[in-house]
C-alpha cells in the first residue's frame, strides 16, 4: 500500500522531521518505540522519534508510488549501507522520483579525510583516520547491553565515498545532471526546510536529477537520423 505524501520525501531522517516533508527512518528504535508499553520500557533514555516520522527502509523500499516525488533528500545515510544495499537505495530513489525530479544527498567526504590522513603530523595518524571515518573499533563489543546497542543503533560506517565514485554510481543508476552541491544552493527552495549547515560542513554533497523518459532512446534516434 502506498502512502499519500506531498511529493517531498526525506529518508533516514533521524530526529530531523520537518512537517513540510514526508519523513522516513529505518531505525529499529523507531519500530520498538511504537510498541505500546514495551517500547517505552526498552528504549527508555533514548531520544524519542516524533509521531510524524514513518518507518521506512530505502533499501527494501518505501511505501511510495513510483514517479511520484518532486524531490528526495538524505543526509548521512548512504555511508551506513553496504555497497549492495547502497545500490538498492539509489535504484529505489530513482524509481520514486518524477522525471526531472531532484535528489540531493550529503555524506562524509572520503577524499578529504584521506588528504587529512596523508598530511597529518600526529604520532598516530591511522588512529585518527579510523576514528573520524567510524570504520574502526576501539574494542570488540561484548555483553547484552552492547548487543542491544548495536541492534538499536547504526552509527558505524560501512562504505565511504568520494565525489568521483559517488557520481559514477549515480550515473549507473540513471541519474543525470550530477553536480557538487553546497549547503542551501539548490534551485528548489524546499530543501532549505530540511538541510542543516552543520551536516554539510566539510562533507560531500551531490545534487542530481532523474532523466526524462526515453531520453537515451530519443538521443539514439536523433543520431540515427543524421545523414551518413
Protein backbone atom coordinates (compact mmCIF):
# COMPACT_ATOMS: atom_id res chain seq x y z
CA UNK A 1 0.00 0.00 0.00
CA UNK A 2 1.35 3.40 -0.97
CA UNK A 3 1.47 6.32 1.45
CA UNK A 4 -0.09 9.61 0.45
CA UNK A 5 2.62 12.24 0.51
CA UNK A 6 3.28 15.78 -0.62
CA UNK A 7 5.95 14.99 -3.20
CA UNK A 8 8.92 15.78 -0.92
CA UNK A 9 10.44 12.71 0.72
CA UNK A 10 13.20 12.61 3.31
CA UNK A 11 14.61 9.19 4.21
CA UNK A 12 16.96 8.26 7.02
CA UNK A 13 15.66 11.38 8.74
CA UNK A 14 16.60 10.54 12.32
CA UNK A 15 15.02 13.15 14.55
CA UNK A 16 15.01 15.81 11.82
CA UNK A 17 11.45 15.70 10.54
CA UNK A 18 10.02 18.97 9.19
CA UNK A 19 6.27 18.73 8.69
CA UNK A 20 6.61 20.09 5.16
CA UNK A 21 8.34 16.84 4.15
CA UNK A 22 7.29 13.18 4.37
CA UNK A 23 9.90 11.67 6.68
CA UNK A 24 11.05 8.05 6.90
CA UNK A 25 13.56 6.28 9.11
CA UNK A 26 14.59 2.62 9.32
CA UNK A 27 15.91 2.68 12.88
CA UNK A 28 14.90 -0.40 14.92
CA UNK A 29 14.49 2.04 17.82
CA UNK A 30 11.63 3.71 15.95
CA UNK A 31 9.81 0.41 15.47
CA UNK A 32 10.28 -0.60 19.09
CA UNK A 33 9.15 2.79 20.40
CA UNK A 34 5.85 2.33 18.57
CA UNK A 35 5.06 -0.87 20.52
CA UNK A 36 2.67 0.07 23.36
CA UNK A 37 4.20 -0.17 26.87
CA UNK A 38 7.13 -2.38 25.80
CA UNK A 39 8.54 0.32 23.52
CA UNK A 40 8.79 2.90 26.28
CA UNK A 41 10.49 0.38 28.58
CA UNK A 42 13.07 -0.95 26.13
CA UNK A 43 14.04 2.44 24.69
CA UNK A 44 13.99 4.37 27.97
CA UNK A 45 16.69 7.02 28.00
CA UNK A 46 16.92 7.16 24.21
CA UNK A 47 15.65 10.11 22.13
CA UNK A 48 12.02 9.70 21.15
CA UNK A 49 11.10 9.86 17.46
CA UNK A 50 8.36 12.38 16.61
CA UNK A 51 4.99 10.86 15.75
CA UNK A 52 5.22 12.40 12.28
CA UNK A 53 8.02 10.02 11.23
CA UNK A 54 7.07 6.88 9.33
CA UNK A 55 9.04 3.67 9.47
CA UNK A 56 10.59 3.02 6.07
CA UNK A 57 13.72 1.31 4.78
CA UNK A 58 15.02 2.75 1.50
CA UNK A 59 16.99 -0.47 0.86
CA UNK A 60 13.89 -2.68 0.98
CA UNK A 61 11.69 0.03 -0.50
CA UNK A 62 9.46 2.77 0.86
CA UNK A 63 5.65 2.78 0.61
CA UNK A 64 5.95 5.44 -2.08
CA UNK A 65 4.35 5.28 -5.52
CA UNK A 66 6.84 5.23 -8.41
CA UNK A 67 7.40 8.55 -10.21
CA UNK A 68 5.52 10.49 -7.52
CA UNK A 69 8.22 12.63 -5.89
CA UNK A 70 9.30 16.14 -6.80
CA UNK A 71 12.38 15.86 -4.59
CA UNK A 72 14.13 13.37 -2.31
CA UNK A 73 16.75 14.14 0.34
CA UNK A 74 19.00 12.11 2.59
CA UNK A 75 21.70 13.28 4.98
CA UNK A 76 24.45 11.00 6.32
CA UNK A 77 22.61 7.83 5.39
CA UNK A 78 24.36 6.23 2.42
CA UNK A 79 27.67 5.66 4.23
CA UNK A 80 25.87 3.37 6.69
CA UNK A 81 24.94 0.94 3.91
CA UNK A 82 26.89 -1.92 2.39
CA UNK A 83 27.75 -1.49 -1.29
CA UNK A 84 24.93 -3.79 -2.37
CA UNK A 85 22.39 -2.03 -0.16
CA UNK A 86 23.66 1.37 -1.31
CA UNK A 87 22.95 0.46 -4.91
CA UNK A 88 19.47 -0.76 -3.97
CA UNK A 89 18.85 2.56 -2.23
CA UNK A 90 19.83 4.50 -5.36
CA UNK A 91 17.58 2.35 -7.56
CA UNK A 92 14.61 2.95 -5.27
CA UNK A 93 15.35 6.67 -5.04
CA UNK A 94 15.42 6.92 -8.83
CA UNK A 95 12.19 4.94 -9.11
CA UNK A 96 10.25 7.24 -6.76
CA UNK A 97 11.22 10.49 -8.47
CA UNK A 98 9.19 12.07 -11.23
CA UNK A 99 11.11 12.68 -14.46
CA UNK A 100 13.23 15.74 -13.76
CA UNK A 101 12.81 15.28 -10.00
CA UNK A 102 15.74 16.28 -7.78
CA UNK A 103 17.80 14.07 -5.48
CA UNK A 104 20.18 15.68 -3.00
CA UNK A 105 22.40 13.77 -0.62
CA UNK A 106 25.19 14.67 1.75
CA UNK A 107 27.67 12.31 3.41
CA UNK A 108 31.26 12.24 4.70
CA UNK A 109 33.93 13.02 2.08
CA UNK A 110 36.43 10.16 1.97
CA UNK A 111 38.82 12.12 -0.24
CA UNK A 112 39.06 14.98 2.26
CA UNK A 113 39.56 12.51 5.10
CA UNK A 114 42.29 10.73 3.14
CA UNK A 115 44.07 14.03 2.45
CA UNK A 116 43.96 14.90 6.13
CA UNK A 117 45.38 11.47 6.95
CA UNK A 118 48.23 11.77 4.45
CA UNK A 119 49.17 15.27 5.61
CA UNK A 120 48.78 14.58 9.33
CA UNK A 121 51.76 15.30 11.59
CA UNK A 122 50.28 13.42 14.55
CA UNK A 123 52.09 10.45 16.07
CA UNK A 124 49.19 8.12 15.18
CA UNK A 125 47.51 9.37 12.00
CA UNK A 126 45.97 5.95 11.34
CA UNK A 127 44.14 6.06 14.67
CA UNK A 128 42.75 9.49 13.87
CA UNK A 129 41.65 8.32 10.41
CA UNK A 130 39.87 5.22 11.73
CA UNK A 131 38.12 7.24 14.42
CA UNK A 132 36.98 10.03 12.10
CA UNK A 133 35.72 7.65 9.41
CA UNK A 134 33.94 5.49 12.02
CA UNK A 135 35.43 2.43 10.37
CA UNK A 136 37.40 1.17 13.35
CA UNK A 137 36.52 -0.27 16.76
CA UNK A 138 38.38 0.58 19.94
CA UNK A 139 37.30 -2.73 21.41
CA UNK A 140 35.17 -5.72 20.46
CA UNK A 141 31.54 -5.35 21.51
CA UNK A 142 30.53 -7.88 24.16
CA UNK A 143 27.64 -8.41 26.51
CA UNK A 144 23.89 -7.96 26.31
CA UNK A 145 23.99 -4.16 26.58
CA UNK A 146 26.46 -3.93 23.71
CA UNK A 147 24.38 -6.26 21.56
CA UNK A 148 21.27 -4.23 22.34
CA UNK A 149 23.10 -1.04 21.46
CA UNK A 150 24.17 -2.49 18.11
CA UNK A 151 20.60 -3.58 17.45
CA UNK A 152 19.04 -0.20 18.24
CA UNK A 153 21.74 1.96 16.69
CA UNK A 154 23.50 2.19 13.34
CA UNK A 155 26.31 4.62 13.96
CA UNK A 156 29.13 2.75 12.22
CA UNK A 157 30.08 3.42 8.62
CA UNK A 158 30.06 0.53 6.16
CA UNK A 159 31.19 2.12 2.87
CA UNK A 160 32.76 5.50 2.27
CA UNK A 161 32.55 7.68 -0.84
CA UNK A 162 34.42 10.35 -2.75
CA UNK A 163 32.94 12.63 -5.40
CA UNK A 164 34.08 10.68 -8.48
CA UNK A 165 32.93 7.31 -7.15
CA UNK A 166 29.56 8.60 -5.99
CA UNK A 167 28.86 10.37 -9.29
CA UNK A 168 29.76 7.17 -11.16
CA UNK A 169 27.24 5.18 -9.11
CA UNK A 170 24.54 7.82 -9.59
CA UNK A 171 25.11 7.75 -13.33
CA UNK A 172 24.87 3.95 -13.33
CA UNK A 173 21.52 4.24 -11.54
CA UNK A 174 20.22 6.53 -14.30
CA UNK A 175 20.63 9.98 -12.76
CA UNK A 176 21.68 12.95 -14.87
CA UNK A 177 22.96 16.49 -14.29
CA UNK A 178 25.14 15.47 -11.35
CA UNK A 179 26.97 18.33 -9.64
CA UNK A 180 28.86 19.01 -6.44
CA UNK A 181 26.40 20.75 -4.14
CA UNK A 182 26.82 23.09 -1.19
CA UNK A 183 24.52 23.84 1.71
CA UNK A 184 21.42 25.76 0.62
CA UNK A 185 22.43 26.12 -3.03
CA UNK A 186 19.55 24.23 -4.66
CA UNK A 187 17.19 25.99 -7.05
CA UNK A 188 14.40 24.12 -5.23
CA UNK A 189 13.80 26.26 -2.10
CA UNK A 190 12.07 23.45 -0.20
CA UNK A 191 15.44 21.80 0.51
CA UNK A 192 16.19 24.66 2.91
CA UNK A 193 13.44 23.30 5.16
CA UNK A 194 15.29 20.04 5.73
CA UNK A 195 19.01 20.89 5.41
CA UNK A 196 21.27 21.90 8.29
CA UNK A 197 24.63 23.53 7.67
CA UNK A 198 26.43 21.53 10.36
CA UNK A 199 25.60 18.37 8.38
CA UNK A 200 27.22 19.84 5.26
CA UNK A 201 30.39 21.45 6.62
CA UNK A 202 33.43 19.55 5.34
CA UNK A 203 31.24 16.91 3.72
CA UNK A 204 30.36 15.71 0.24
CA UNK A 205 27.06 16.95 -1.20
CA UNK A 206 25.68 15.95 -4.59
CA UNK A 207 22.58 17.13 -6.44
CA UNK A 208 21.22 15.32 -9.50
CA UNK A 209 18.01 14.65 -11.38
CA UNK A 210 16.03 11.77 -12.77
CA UNK A 211 16.32 11.77 -16.54
CA UNK A 212 13.37 12.41 -18.81
CA UNK A 213 11.57 9.32 -20.20
CA UNK A 214 13.16 7.82 -23.31
CA UNK A 215 15.95 10.39 -23.15
CA UNK A 216 18.58 7.89 -24.30
CA UNK A 217 16.22 6.45 -26.92
CA UNK A 218 15.50 9.90 -28.31
CA UNK A 219 19.22 10.65 -28.44
CA UNK A 220 19.85 7.42 -30.32
CA UNK A 221 17.03 8.13 -32.78
CA UNK A 222 18.38 11.63 -33.37
CA UNK A 223 21.83 10.24 -34.06
CA UNK A 224 20.43 7.67 -36.49
CA UNK A 225 18.55 10.38 -38.39
CA UNK A 226 21.74 12.27 -39.24
CA UNK A 227 22.90 11.97 -42.84
CA UNK A 228 25.70 9.47 -43.42
